[in-house]
Amino acid sequence: MSEVARAVSERGELVLRRRVDDGALELRVNGVFVMDDVETSSEELLASAVLSSVRRPDRVLVGGLGLGYTVRALLRDVRLGEVVVAEIEPDVVSWMRAGLVPSVLDDPRVSVVLGDVRDVVVAQEGASLDGILLDVDNGPDFLVYNENSAVYASPFVTTCRSKLRAGGVLTVWSSSASPDLEAVVTSVFGACEVKPVPVDLQGRAETYYVYQGSL
């Protein structure tokens, strides 16, 4: 491994590094693998799930910038009006602006708000979003930050629902199957669509999951 960048925040250590074996760019938080730029199918599914479900994606909010693949997939759709990205780690944004990670931030449709996604969502006007995409941790059962458990709980999911326009969707990424998350989304939206995503994670067959509630 070769280290590309390292930073420490109040939440711990972030490391951006380049793998020697396949040349992949990899992000780790507190030593835990978060994502790389090889297996991006589940991040892209988050975007396609929203884009295929809403009639006009005028305004979409993404929780978690990461390496930018969810946002990049959204931007491919010429119908997209605006995407607001909530990112809690300033260094993740700085690395992208510095070119250490291929940038999605030069597209005029993209704006970044530094802060906890819960605060960013709360600050949105009611019924002002066509989609909310949450990819802020490894899912409710394998948290990098314990505080993120609130992202997957009923009060915040209910808040997300209140910010969606008619026909809007909430999509949530998880690194594992989560019956509890499915139950929360179902209780708030009346139904939950679960989409398994088979992935090849550095030679290991894994399955990620996308959970979606629709108005």
N, C-alpha and C. Protein backbone atom coordinates (compact mmCIF):
# COMPACT_ATOMS: atom_id res chain seq x y z
N MET A 1 0.83 -1.19 0.00
CA MET A 1 0.00 0.00 0.00
C MET A 1 0.88 1.25 0.00
N SER A 2 0.47 2.26 -0.75
CA SER A 2 1.14 3.55 -0.68
C SER A 2 0.12 4.58 -0.20
N GLU A 3 0.51 5.35 0.79
CA GLU A 3 -0.40 6.32 1.38
C GLU A 3 -0.47 7.56 0.50
N VAL A 4 -1.68 7.98 0.19
CA VAL A 4 -1.90 9.18 -0.61
C VAL A 4 -2.13 10.39 0.28
N ALA A 5 -2.93 10.21 1.33
CA ALA A 5 -3.22 11.30 2.26
C ALA A 5 -3.71 10.71 3.57
N ARG A 6 -3.52 11.48 4.63
CA ARG A 6 -3.97 11.06 5.96
C ARG A 6 -4.45 12.30 6.70
N ALA A 7 -5.52 12.14 7.48
CA ALA A 7 -6.04 13.25 8.27
C ALA A 7 -6.67 12.70 9.54
N VAL A 8 -6.74 13.56 10.54
CA VAL A 8 -7.36 13.20 11.81
C VAL A 8 -8.41 14.25 12.14
N SER A 9 -9.62 13.79 12.44
CA SER A 9 -10.69 14.69 12.87
C SER A 9 -11.17 14.24 14.24
N GLU A 10 -12.17 14.91 14.77
CA GLU A 10 -12.70 14.52 16.08
C GLU A 10 -13.34 13.14 16.05
N ARG A 11 -13.60 12.63 14.86
CA ARG A 11 -14.19 11.30 14.73
C ARG A 11 -13.13 10.21 14.53
N GLY A 12 -11.88 10.61 14.35
CA GLY A 12 -10.82 9.62 14.21
C GLY A 12 -9.95 9.87 12.99
N GLU A 13 -9.33 8.81 12.49
CA GLU A 13 -8.34 8.90 11.42
C GLU A 13 -8.92 8.49 10.07
N LEU A 14 -8.63 9.31 9.06
CA LEU A 14 -9.00 8.99 7.68
C LEU A 14 -7.73 8.78 6.88
N VAL A 15 -7.70 7.71 6.10
CA VAL A 15 -6.54 7.42 5.28
C VAL A 15 -6.99 7.14 3.85
N LEU A 16 -6.38 7.84 2.91
CA LEU A 16 -6.58 7.60 1.49
C LEU A 16 -5.31 6.93 0.99
N ARG A 17 -5.43 5.75 0.40
CA ARG A 17 -4.23 5.04 -0.01
C ARG A 17 -4.44 4.33 -1.33
N ARG A 18 -3.32 4.02 -1.97
CA ARG A 18 -3.32 3.35 -3.26
C ARG A 18 -2.82 1.92 -3.06
N ARG A 19 -3.66 0.95 -3.46
CA ARG A 19 -3.24 -0.45 -3.33
C ARG A 19 -2.22 -0.79 -4.40
N VAL A 20 -1.24 -1.58 -4.02
CA VAL A 20 -0.17 -1.95 -4.94
C VAL A 20 -0.63 -3.01 -5.92
N ASP A 21 -1.44 -3.97 -5.46
CA ASP A 21 -1.77 -5.12 -6.31
C ASP A 21 -2.64 -4.75 -7.50
N ASP A 22 -3.63 -3.86 -7.29
CA ASP A 22 -4.51 -3.52 -8.41
C ASP A 22 -4.57 -2.02 -8.71
N GLY A 23 -3.80 -1.23 -7.96
CA GLY A 23 -3.76 0.20 -8.22
C GLY A 23 -4.98 0.96 -7.77
N ALA A 24 -5.86 0.32 -7.01
CA ALA A 24 -7.12 0.96 -6.60
C ALA A 24 -6.89 2.01 -5.54
N LEU A 25 -7.70 3.05 -5.60
CA LEU A 25 -7.73 4.07 -4.57
C LEU A 25 -8.71 3.62 -3.50
N GLU A 26 -8.30 3.67 -2.25
CA GLU A 26 -9.07 3.10 -1.15
C GLU A 26 -9.18 4.09 -0.01
N LEU A 27 -10.37 4.18 0.59
CA LEU A 27 -10.60 5.04 1.74
C LEU A 27 -10.86 4.18 2.97
N ARG A 28 -10.12 4.45 4.04
CA ARG A 28 -10.34 3.78 5.31
C ARG A 28 -10.56 4.81 6.41
N VAL A 29 -11.43 4.47 7.35
CA VAL A 29 -11.73 5.34 8.48
C VAL A 29 -11.50 4.55 9.75
N ASN A 30 -10.61 5.05 10.60
CA ASN A 30 -10.25 4.35 11.84
C ASN A 30 -9.85 2.90 11.55
N GLY A 31 -9.13 2.72 10.45
CA GLY A 31 -8.64 1.40 10.07
C GLY A 31 -9.64 0.51 9.39
N VAL A 32 -10.90 0.97 9.27
CA VAL A 32 -11.95 0.16 8.67
C VAL A 32 -12.12 0.51 7.19
N PHE A 33 -12.13 -0.49 6.33
CA PHE A 33 -12.36 -0.27 4.90
C PHE A 33 -13.74 0.34 4.70
N VAL A 34 -13.80 1.42 3.95
CA VAL A 34 -15.06 2.09 3.67
C VAL A 34 -15.45 1.92 2.21
N MET A 35 -14.51 2.20 1.31
CA MET A 35 -14.82 2.09 -0.12
C MET A 35 -13.54 2.14 -0.93
N ASP A 36 -13.64 1.71 -2.20
CA ASP A 36 -12.55 1.89 -3.15
C ASP A 36 -13.15 2.30 -4.49
N ASP A 37 -12.29 2.52 -5.48
CA ASP A 37 -12.78 2.96 -6.79
C ASP A 37 -12.85 1.82 -7.80
N VAL A 38 -12.83 0.57 -7.30
CA VAL A 38 -12.97 -0.60 -8.16
C VAL A 38 -14.40 -1.10 -8.13
N GLU A 39 -14.92 -1.34 -6.94
CA GLU A 39 -16.28 -1.85 -6.79
C GLU A 39 -17.21 -0.69 -6.42
N THR A 40 -17.86 -0.15 -7.43
CA THR A 40 -18.71 1.03 -7.23
C THR A 40 -20.17 0.77 -7.62
N SER A 41 -20.51 -0.49 -7.86
CA SER A 41 -21.85 -0.79 -8.39
C SER A 41 -22.96 -0.43 -7.42
N SER A 42 -22.74 -0.60 -6.11
CA SER A 42 -23.81 -0.29 -5.17
C SER A 42 -24.00 1.21 -5.02
N GLU A 43 -22.90 1.98 -5.08
CA GLU A 43 -23.03 3.44 -5.05
C GLU A 43 -23.80 3.93 -6.28
N GLU A 44 -23.52 3.32 -7.42
CA GLU A 44 -24.21 3.71 -8.64
C GLU A 44 -25.67 3.28 -8.61
N LEU A 45 -25.96 2.14 -7.95
CA LEU A 45 -27.34 1.71 -7.82
C LEU A 45 -28.14 2.69 -6.97
N LEU A 46 -27.52 3.26 -5.95
CA LEU A 46 -28.20 4.30 -5.17
C LEU A 46 -28.72 5.39 -6.09
N ALA A 47 -27.86 5.84 -6.99
CA ALA A 47 -28.25 6.90 -7.91
C ALA A 47 -29.31 6.44 -8.89
N SER A 48 -29.11 5.27 -9.49
CA SER A 48 -30.06 4.81 -10.51
C SER A 48 -31.42 4.51 -9.90
N ALA A 49 -31.44 4.07 -8.63
CA ALA A 49 -32.72 3.80 -7.97
C ALA A 49 -33.55 5.05 -7.86
N VAL A 50 -32.89 6.16 -7.58
CA VAL A 50 -33.60 7.44 -7.51
C VAL A 50 -34.00 7.91 -8.90
N LEU A 51 -33.06 7.90 -9.82
CA LEU A 51 -33.31 8.44 -11.16
C LEU A 51 -34.38 7.67 -11.91
N SER A 52 -34.49 6.38 -11.64
CA SER A 52 -35.50 5.58 -12.33
C SER A 52 -36.86 5.68 -11.67
N SER A 53 -36.90 6.25 -10.46
CA SER A 53 -38.15 6.26 -9.69
C SER A 53 -38.86 7.61 -9.69
N VAL A 54 -38.13 8.68 -9.96
CA VAL A 54 -38.75 10.00 -9.91
C VAL A 54 -38.94 10.55 -11.32
N ARG A 55 -39.99 11.31 -11.49
CA ARG A 55 -40.31 11.84 -12.81
C ARG A 55 -39.35 12.96 -13.20
N ARG A 56 -39.09 13.85 -12.24
CA ARG A 56 -38.18 14.97 -12.51
C ARG A 56 -37.23 15.13 -11.32
N PRO A 57 -35.98 14.72 -11.46
CA PRO A 57 -35.02 14.85 -10.36
C PRO A 57 -34.46 16.28 -10.28
N ASP A 58 -35.33 17.21 -9.89
CA ASP A 58 -34.90 18.61 -9.86
C ASP A 58 -33.90 18.88 -8.75
N ARG A 59 -34.11 18.23 -7.59
CA ARG A 59 -33.24 18.51 -6.44
C ARG A 59 -33.07 17.24 -5.62
N VAL A 60 -31.83 16.84 -5.45
CA VAL A 60 -31.51 15.58 -4.77
C VAL A 60 -30.45 15.87 -3.71
N LEU A 61 -30.55 15.19 -2.58
CA LEU A 61 -29.55 15.33 -1.52
C LEU A 61 -28.84 14.00 -1.32
N VAL A 62 -27.51 14.05 -1.25
CA VAL A 62 -26.68 12.87 -1.04
C VAL A 62 -25.97 13.00 0.30
N GLY A 63 -26.15 12.02 1.15
CA GLY A 63 -25.43 11.98 2.41
C GLY A 63 -24.16 11.17 2.26
N GLY A 64 -23.01 11.85 2.25
CA GLY A 64 -21.72 11.21 2.11
C GLY A 64 -21.11 11.41 0.74
N LEU A 65 -19.99 12.15 0.68
CA LEU A 65 -19.31 12.37 -0.60
C LEU A 65 -18.45 11.17 -0.98
N GLY A 66 -17.68 10.66 -0.01
CA GLY A 66 -16.80 9.52 -0.27
C GLY A 66 -15.86 9.78 -1.43
N LEU A 67 -15.79 8.84 -2.35
CA LEU A 67 -14.95 9.00 -3.54
C LEU A 67 -15.76 9.55 -4.72
N GLY A 68 -17.01 9.90 -4.49
CA GLY A 68 -17.79 10.64 -5.48
C GLY A 68 -18.59 9.82 -6.46
N TYR A 69 -18.68 8.51 -6.28
CA TYR A 69 -19.29 7.70 -7.33
C TYR A 69 -20.81 7.80 -7.36
N THR A 70 -21.45 7.99 -6.22
CA THR A 70 -22.90 8.20 -6.25
C THR A 70 -23.23 9.51 -6.95
N VAL A 71 -22.51 10.56 -6.59
CA VAL A 71 -22.75 11.86 -7.22
C VAL A 71 -22.43 11.80 -8.71
N ARG A 72 -21.35 11.14 -9.07
CA ARG A 72 -20.96 11.04 -10.48
C ARG A 72 -22.06 10.35 -11.30
N ALA A 73 -22.65 9.30 -10.72
CA ALA A 73 -23.72 8.59 -11.42
C ALA A 73 -24.95 9.47 -11.57
N LEU A 74 -25.27 10.28 -10.58
CA LEU A 74 -26.40 11.21 -10.68
C LEU A 74 -26.17 12.22 -11.80
N LEU A 75 -24.95 12.72 -11.88
CA LEU A 75 -24.64 13.79 -12.84
C LEU A 75 -24.73 13.33 -14.29
N ARG A 76 -24.71 12.03 -14.53
CA ARG A 76 -24.83 11.55 -15.90
C ARG A 76 -26.23 11.81 -16.47
N ASP A 77 -27.19 12.02 -15.59
CA ASP A 77 -28.57 12.26 -16.02
C ASP A 77 -28.76 13.74 -16.30
N VAL A 78 -29.03 14.07 -17.56
CA VAL A 78 -29.16 15.48 -17.94
C VAL A 78 -30.39 16.12 -17.32
N ARG A 79 -31.32 15.32 -16.81
CA ARG A 79 -32.51 15.89 -16.18
C ARG A 79 -32.20 16.48 -14.81
N LEU A 80 -31.10 16.05 -14.20
CA LEU A 80 -30.79 16.45 -12.84
C LEU A 80 -30.61 17.96 -12.75
N GLY A 81 -31.34 18.57 -11.80
CA GLY A 81 -31.23 20.00 -11.63
C GLY A 81 -30.14 20.40 -10.65
N GLU A 82 -30.18 19.83 -9.45
CA GLU A 82 -29.23 20.20 -8.40
C GLU A 82 -29.02 19.01 -7.48
N VAL A 83 -27.77 18.84 -7.02
CA VAL A 83 -27.46 17.82 -6.03
C VAL A 83 -26.72 18.48 -4.88
N VAL A 84 -27.28 18.35 -3.69
CA VAL A 84 -26.68 18.86 -2.46
C VAL A 84 -25.98 17.69 -1.78
N VAL A 85 -24.69 17.85 -1.49
CA VAL A 85 -23.91 16.78 -0.87
C VAL A 85 -23.58 17.17 0.57
N ALA A 86 -23.98 16.34 1.51
CA ALA A 86 -23.63 16.54 2.91
C ALA A 86 -22.42 15.68 3.24
N GLU A 87 -21.34 16.30 3.69
CA GLU A 87 -20.13 15.56 4.04
C GLU A 87 -19.60 16.09 5.37
N ILE A 88 -19.42 15.19 6.32
CA ILE A 88 -19.02 15.59 7.66
C ILE A 88 -17.51 15.81 7.79
N GLU A 89 -16.73 15.20 6.90
CA GLU A 89 -15.27 15.29 7.01
C GLU A 89 -14.73 16.32 6.00
N PRO A 90 -14.26 17.46 6.48
CA PRO A 90 -13.72 18.48 5.56
C PRO A 90 -12.57 17.97 4.69
N ASP A 91 -11.76 17.07 5.24
CA ASP A 91 -10.60 16.60 4.47
C ASP A 91 -11.01 15.77 3.26
N VAL A 92 -12.14 15.07 3.34
CA VAL A 92 -12.62 14.32 2.18
C VAL A 92 -12.92 15.27 1.03
N VAL A 93 -13.51 16.41 1.37
CA VAL A 93 -13.80 17.43 0.35
C VAL A 93 -12.50 18.05 -0.15
N SER A 94 -11.58 18.35 0.77
CA SER A 94 -10.31 18.97 0.39
C SER A 94 -9.50 18.08 -0.53
N TRP A 95 -9.49 16.77 -0.25
CA TRP A 95 -8.74 15.84 -1.10
C TRP A 95 -9.29 15.84 -2.52
N MET A 96 -10.61 15.93 -2.63
CA MET A 96 -11.20 15.95 -3.96
C MET A 96 -10.90 17.27 -4.67
N ARG A 97 -10.99 18.37 -3.95
CA ARG A 97 -10.68 19.67 -4.56
C ARG A 97 -9.22 19.76 -4.99
N ALA A 98 -8.34 19.06 -4.27
CA ALA A 98 -6.91 19.08 -4.59
C ALA A 98 -6.54 18.11 -5.71
N GLY A 99 -7.50 17.30 -6.16
CA GLY A 99 -7.24 16.37 -7.26
C GLY A 99 -6.70 15.03 -6.82
N LEU A 100 -6.64 14.77 -5.51
CA LEU A 100 -6.20 13.45 -5.04
C LEU A 100 -7.24 12.38 -5.35
N VAL A 101 -8.49 12.82 -5.47
CA VAL A 101 -9.61 11.97 -5.88
C VAL A 101 -10.27 12.66 -7.07
N PRO A 102 -10.59 11.93 -8.15
CA PRO A 102 -11.25 12.56 -9.29
C PRO A 102 -12.49 13.34 -8.84
N SER A 103 -12.56 14.59 -9.25
CA SER A 103 -13.56 15.49 -8.68
C SER A 103 -14.90 15.46 -9.41
N VAL A 104 -15.96 15.61 -8.61
CA VAL A 104 -17.30 15.84 -9.15
C VAL A 104 -17.77 17.25 -8.75
N LEU A 105 -16.88 18.01 -8.13
CA LEU A 105 -17.28 19.27 -7.53
C LEU A 105 -17.22 20.46 -8.49
N ASP A 106 -16.68 20.23 -9.70
CA ASP A 106 -16.62 21.33 -10.66
C ASP A 106 -17.88 21.44 -11.50
N ASP A 107 -18.82 20.52 -11.32
CA ASP A 107 -20.10 20.60 -12.02
C ASP A 107 -20.97 21.63 -11.31
N PRO A 108 -21.51 22.61 -12.05
CA PRO A 108 -22.30 23.67 -11.40
C PRO A 108 -23.56 23.18 -10.71
N ARG A 109 -23.97 21.96 -10.98
CA ARG A 109 -25.16 21.42 -10.32
C ARG A 109 -24.87 20.93 -8.91
N VAL A 110 -23.60 20.85 -8.53
CA VAL A 110 -23.20 20.28 -7.25
C VAL A 110 -22.88 21.37 -6.24
N SER A 111 -23.45 21.24 -5.04
CA SER A 111 -23.05 22.08 -3.92
C SER A 111 -22.76 21.17 -2.73
N VAL A 112 -21.77 21.53 -1.92
CA VAL A 112 -21.37 20.73 -0.78
C VAL A 112 -21.64 21.49 0.50
N VAL A 113 -22.27 20.81 1.45
CA VAL A 113 -22.49 21.38 2.77
C VAL A 113 -21.69 20.55 3.77
N LEU A 114 -20.76 21.18 4.47
CA LEU A 114 -19.97 20.48 5.47
C LEU A 114 -20.78 20.36 6.75
N GLY A 115 -21.00 19.12 7.19
CA GLY A 115 -21.76 18.90 8.41
C GLY A 115 -22.37 17.53 8.45
N ASP A 116 -22.95 17.21 9.59
CA ASP A 116 -23.65 15.94 9.79
C ASP A 116 -24.88 15.91 8.89
N VAL A 117 -25.08 14.80 8.20
CA VAL A 117 -26.20 14.70 7.26
C VAL A 117 -27.53 14.93 7.96
N ARG A 118 -27.62 14.56 9.23
CA ARG A 118 -28.88 14.78 9.94
C ARG A 118 -29.19 16.27 10.04
N ASP A 119 -28.18 17.07 10.33
CA ASP A 119 -28.39 18.51 10.41
C ASP A 119 -28.70 19.11 9.05
N VAL A 120 -28.02 18.59 8.02
CA VAL A 120 -28.23 19.13 6.67
C VAL A 120 -29.65 18.82 6.20
N VAL A 121 -30.13 17.61 6.48
CA VAL A 121 -31.49 17.26 6.08
C VAL A 121 -32.51 18.09 6.85
N VAL A 122 -32.31 18.24 8.15
CA VAL A 122 -33.23 19.04 8.96
C VAL A 122 -33.34 20.46 8.44
N ALA A 123 -32.23 21.00 7.92
CA ALA A 123 -32.21 22.38 7.45
C ALA A 123 -32.95 22.58 6.12
N GLN A 124 -33.29 21.49 5.43
CA GLN A 124 -33.99 21.61 4.15
C GLN A 124 -35.46 21.98 4.39
N GLU A 125 -36.03 22.70 3.46
CA GLU A 125 -37.45 23.00 3.56
C GLU A 125 -38.27 21.73 3.35
N GLY A 126 -39.43 21.70 3.93
CA GLY A 126 -40.31 20.56 3.75
C GLY A 126 -40.71 20.39 2.30
N ALA A 127 -40.81 19.14 1.86
CA ALA A 127 -41.22 18.81 0.50
C ALA A 127 -40.41 19.56 -0.55
N SER A 128 -39.08 19.61 -0.36
CA SER A 128 -38.22 20.36 -1.28
C SER A 128 -37.27 19.47 -2.07
N LEU A 129 -37.28 18.15 -1.81
CA LEU A 129 -36.33 17.23 -2.44
C LEU A 129 -37.06 16.13 -3.19
N ASP A 130 -36.49 15.73 -4.31
CA ASP A 130 -37.02 14.60 -5.08
C ASP A 130 -36.38 13.29 -4.66
N GLY A 131 -35.22 13.36 -4.05
CA GLY A 131 -34.55 12.15 -3.59
C GLY A 131 -33.57 12.45 -2.48
N ILE A 132 -33.45 11.52 -1.55
CA ILE A 132 -32.41 11.55 -0.52
C ILE A 132 -31.68 10.23 -0.58
N LEU A 133 -30.36 10.28 -0.73
CA LEU A 133 -29.53 9.09 -0.85
C LEU A 133 -28.56 9.08 0.32
N LEU A 134 -28.61 8.05 1.14
CA LEU A 134 -27.79 7.98 2.34
C LEU A 134 -26.73 6.89 2.21
N ASP A 135 -25.47 7.33 2.18
CA ASP A 135 -24.33 6.42 2.15
C ASP A 135 -23.28 7.01 3.08
N VAL A 136 -23.62 7.06 4.36
CA VAL A 136 -22.78 7.78 5.31
C VAL A 136 -21.96 6.86 6.21
N ASP A 137 -22.20 5.56 6.15
CA ASP A 137 -21.48 4.60 6.98
C ASP A 137 -21.58 3.25 6.30
N ASN A 138 -21.16 2.19 7.00
CA ASN A 138 -21.23 0.86 6.41
C ASN A 138 -22.58 0.19 6.62
N GLY A 139 -23.56 0.96 7.08
CA GLY A 139 -24.87 0.39 7.36
C GLY A 139 -25.10 0.29 8.85
N PRO A 140 -26.32 0.02 9.28
CA PRO A 140 -26.65 0.06 10.70
C PRO A 140 -25.98 -1.00 11.55
N ASP A 141 -25.50 -2.07 10.93
CA ASP A 141 -24.95 -3.19 11.71
C ASP A 141 -23.43 -3.23 11.76
N PHE A 142 -22.76 -2.39 10.97
CA PHE A 142 -21.28 -2.35 10.97
C PHE A 142 -20.82 -0.89 10.93
N LEU A 143 -21.18 -0.16 11.97
CA LEU A 143 -20.93 1.27 12.00
C LEU A 143 -19.45 1.59 12.20
N VAL A 144 -18.97 2.59 11.45
CA VAL A 144 -17.65 3.16 11.70
C VAL A 144 -17.75 4.16 12.85
N TYR A 145 -18.80 4.98 12.84
CA TYR A 145 -19.09 5.92 13.92
C TYR A 145 -20.39 5.50 14.59
N ASN A 146 -20.33 5.20 15.88
CA ASN A 146 -21.52 4.75 16.57
C ASN A 146 -22.65 5.76 16.53
N GLU A 147 -22.28 7.05 16.47
CA GLU A 147 -23.29 8.09 16.44
C GLU A 147 -24.18 8.00 15.21
N ASN A 148 -23.70 7.35 14.17
CA ASN A 148 -24.48 7.24 12.94
C ASN A 148 -25.66 6.28 13.06
N SER A 149 -25.77 5.60 14.19
CA SER A 149 -26.93 4.71 14.37
C SER A 149 -28.23 5.48 14.23
N ALA A 150 -28.22 6.77 14.58
CA ALA A 150 -29.43 7.59 14.48
C ALA A 150 -29.87 7.80 13.04
N VAL A 151 -28.94 7.67 12.09
CA VAL A 151 -29.29 7.85 10.68
C VAL A 151 -30.29 6.78 10.24
N TYR A 152 -30.22 5.61 10.85
CA TYR A 152 -31.04 4.48 10.42
C TYR A 152 -32.27 4.27 11.31
N ALA A 153 -32.51 5.19 12.22
CA ALA A 153 -33.62 5.05 13.16
C ALA A 153 -34.85 5.79 12.66
N SER A 154 -35.99 5.42 13.20
CA SER A 154 -37.27 5.93 12.73
C SER A 154 -37.39 7.46 12.76
N PRO A 155 -36.94 8.14 13.83
CA PRO A 155 -37.11 9.61 13.83
C PRO A 155 -36.44 10.30 12.64
N PHE A 156 -35.21 9.89 12.31
CA PHE A 156 -34.55 10.56 11.18
C PHE A 156 -35.15 10.14 9.85
N VAL A 157 -35.51 8.87 9.70
CA VAL A 157 -36.15 8.43 8.46
C VAL A 157 -37.47 9.17 8.27
N THR A 158 -38.18 9.42 9.35
CA THR A 158 -39.41 10.20 9.29
C THR A 158 -39.12 11.64 8.86
N THR A 159 -38.03 12.21 9.36
CA THR A 159 -37.63 13.55 8.93
C THR A 159 -37.33 13.57 7.44
N CYS A 160 -36.62 12.55 6.97
CA CYS A 160 -36.33 12.47 5.53
C CYS A 160 -37.63 12.46 4.72
N ARG A 161 -38.58 11.69 5.17
CA ARG A 161 -39.86 11.61 4.45
C ARG A 161 -40.51 12.99 4.35
N SER A 162 -40.42 13.78 5.41
CA SER A 162 -41.06 15.10 5.41
C SER A 162 -40.39 16.08 4.45
N LYS A 163 -39.16 15.79 4.04
CA LYS A 163 -38.44 16.68 3.14
C LYS A 163 -38.64 16.30 1.67
N LEU A 164 -39.32 15.18 1.42
CA LEU A 164 -39.51 14.71 0.05
C LEU A 164 -40.80 15.27 -0.54
N ARG A 165 -40.74 15.59 -1.83
CA ARG A 165 -41.94 15.95 -2.57
C ARG A 165 -42.74 14.70 -2.88
N ALA A 166 -43.96 14.88 -3.30
CA ALA A 166 -44.77 13.75 -3.77
C ALA A 166 -44.01 13.05 -4.90
N GLY A 167 -43.92 11.73 -4.80
CA GLY A 167 -43.17 10.97 -5.79
C GLY A 167 -41.70 10.83 -5.46
N GLY A 168 -41.25 11.44 -4.36
CA GLY A 168 -39.85 11.37 -3.98
C GLY A 168 -39.47 10.04 -3.35
N VAL A 169 -38.16 9.78 -3.27
CA VAL A 169 -37.68 8.50 -2.75
C VAL A 169 -36.52 8.71 -1.79
N LEU A 170 -36.44 7.82 -0.82
CA LEU A 170 -35.29 7.71 0.07
C LEU A 170 -34.59 6.40 -0.23
N THR A 171 -33.28 6.44 -0.49
CA THR A 171 -32.51 5.21 -0.68
C THR A 171 -31.37 5.20 0.33
N VAL A 172 -31.13 4.02 0.91
CA VAL A 172 -30.14 3.87 1.96
C VAL A 172 -29.23 2.69 1.62
N TRP A 173 -27.91 2.91 1.68
CA TRP A 173 -26.94 1.87 1.39
C TRP A 173 -26.55 1.15 2.66
N SER A 174 -26.36 -0.18 2.57
CA SER A 174 -25.88 -0.96 3.71
C SER A 174 -24.95 -2.05 3.21
N SER A 175 -23.90 -2.30 3.99
CA SER A 175 -22.94 -3.34 3.60
C SER A 175 -23.44 -4.74 3.93
N SER A 176 -24.58 -4.83 4.61
CA SER A 176 -25.13 -6.13 4.96
C SER A 176 -26.64 -6.05 5.00
N ALA A 177 -27.29 -7.20 4.95
CA ALA A 177 -28.75 -7.23 5.08
C ALA A 177 -29.14 -6.74 6.47
N SER A 178 -30.18 -5.92 6.54
CA SER A 178 -30.60 -5.35 7.81
C SER A 178 -32.12 -5.40 7.93
N PRO A 179 -32.65 -6.45 8.53
CA PRO A 179 -34.10 -6.52 8.73
C PRO A 179 -34.64 -5.35 9.54
N ASP A 180 -33.82 -4.84 10.48
CA ASP A 180 -34.27 -3.70 11.28
C ASP A 180 -34.44 -2.45 10.43
N LEU A 181 -33.50 -2.21 9.52
CA LEU A 181 -33.61 -1.06 8.63
C LEU A 181 -34.81 -1.22 7.71
N GLU A 182 -34.99 -2.42 7.18
CA GLU A 182 -36.16 -2.67 6.33
C GLU A 182 -37.45 -2.38 7.09
N ALA A 183 -37.50 -2.77 8.37
CA ALA A 183 -38.70 -2.54 9.18
C ALA A 183 -38.93 -1.05 9.41
N VAL A 184 -37.85 -0.30 9.63
CA VAL A 184 -37.99 1.14 9.85
C VAL A 184 -38.51 1.83 8.60
N VAL A 185 -37.91 1.52 7.45
CA VAL A 185 -38.35 2.15 6.20
C VAL A 185 -39.81 1.77 5.91
N THR A 186 -40.15 0.53 6.15
CA THR A 186 -41.53 0.08 5.93
C THR A 186 -42.50 0.82 6.84
N SER A 187 -42.12 1.01 8.09
CA SER A 187 -43.03 1.68 9.03
C SER A 187 -43.25 3.14 8.67
N VAL A 188 -42.23 3.77 8.09
CA VAL A 188 -42.33 5.20 7.75
C VAL A 188 -42.99 5.41 6.39
N PHE A 189 -42.66 4.57 5.42
CA PHE A 189 -43.12 4.77 4.05
C PHE A 189 -44.27 3.84 3.66
N GLY A 190 -44.54 2.84 4.46
CA GLY A 190 -45.59 1.89 4.13
C GLY A 190 -45.10 0.69 3.37
N ALA A 191 -43.91 0.77 2.81
CA ALA A 191 -43.30 -0.34 2.08
C ALA A 191 -41.81 -0.05 1.94
N CYS A 192 -41.04 -1.10 1.73
CA CYS A 192 -39.59 -0.95 1.52
C CYS A 192 -39.15 -1.90 0.43
N GLU A 193 -38.52 -1.36 -0.58
CA GLU A 193 -37.94 -2.19 -1.64
C GLU A 193 -36.49 -2.49 -1.29
N VAL A 194 -36.14 -3.77 -1.26
CA VAL A 194 -34.78 -4.19 -0.91
C VAL A 194 -34.09 -4.70 -2.17
N LYS A 195 -32.93 -4.13 -2.46
CA LYS A 195 -32.19 -4.49 -3.68
C LYS A 195 -30.81 -5.03 -3.30
N PRO A 196 -30.60 -6.35 -3.36
CA PRO A 196 -29.27 -6.91 -3.12
C PRO A 196 -28.34 -6.57 -4.30
N VAL A 197 -27.07 -6.33 -3.97
CA VAL A 197 -26.09 -5.99 -5.00
C VAL A 197 -24.89 -6.91 -4.85
N PRO A 198 -24.75 -7.95 -5.68
CA PRO A 198 -23.55 -8.80 -5.61
C PRO A 198 -22.32 -8.00 -6.01
N VAL A 199 -21.26 -8.12 -5.21
CA VAL A 199 -20.03 -7.38 -5.50
C VAL A 199 -18.83 -8.29 -5.33
N ASP A 200 -17.75 -7.92 -6.00
CA ASP A 200 -16.47 -8.59 -5.85
C ASP A 200 -15.58 -7.65 -5.04
N LEU A 201 -15.37 -7.98 -3.77
CA LEU A 201 -14.61 -7.11 -2.88
C LEU A 201 -13.21 -7.68 -2.70
N GLN A 202 -12.29 -7.20 -3.56
CA GLN A 202 -10.90 -7.65 -3.52
C GLN A 202 -10.80 -9.17 -3.55
N GLY A 203 -11.57 -9.77 -4.49
CA GLY A 203 -11.51 -11.20 -4.69
C GLY A 203 -12.50 -12.01 -3.87
N ARG A 204 -13.26 -11.34 -3.00
CA ARG A 204 -14.26 -12.03 -2.19
C ARG A 204 -15.65 -11.68 -2.69
N ALA A 205 -16.49 -12.68 -2.82
CA ALA A 205 -17.87 -12.44 -3.22
C ALA A 205 -18.66 -11.96 -2.02
N GLU A 206 -19.22 -10.77 -2.11
CA GLU A 206 -20.01 -10.19 -1.04
C GLU A 206 -21.33 -9.69 -1.63
N THR A 207 -22.25 -9.31 -0.76
CA THR A 207 -23.50 -8.72 -1.20
C THR A 207 -23.77 -7.47 -0.38
N TYR A 208 -23.94 -6.35 -1.06
CA TYR A 208 -24.38 -5.12 -0.43
C TYR A 208 -25.89 -4.97 -0.66
N TYR A 209 -26.48 -4.01 0.02
CA TYR A 209 -27.93 -3.85 -0.06
C TYR A 209 -28.31 -2.39 -0.17
N VAL A 210 -29.36 -2.14 -0.94
CA VAL A 210 -29.96 -0.82 -1.04
C VAL A 210 -31.41 -0.94 -0.62
N TYR A 211 -31.80 -0.07 0.33
CA TYR A 211 -33.19 -0.04 0.84
C TYR A 211 -33.85 1.23 0.36
N GLN A 212 -35.07 1.11 -0.13
CA GLN A 212 -35.74 2.27 -0.72
C GLN A 212 -37.19 2.40 -0.25
N GLY A 213 -37.53 3.61 0.15
CA GLY A 213 -38.92 3.95 0.46
C GLY A 213 -39.37 5.04 -0.48
N SER A 214 -40.61 4.99 -0.93
CA SER A 214 -41.12 5.93 -1.92
C SER A 214 -42.43 6.56 -1.45
N LEU A 215 -42.63 7.80 -1.86
CA LEU A 215 -43.91 8.48 -1.60
C LEU A 215 -44.85 8.31 -2.78
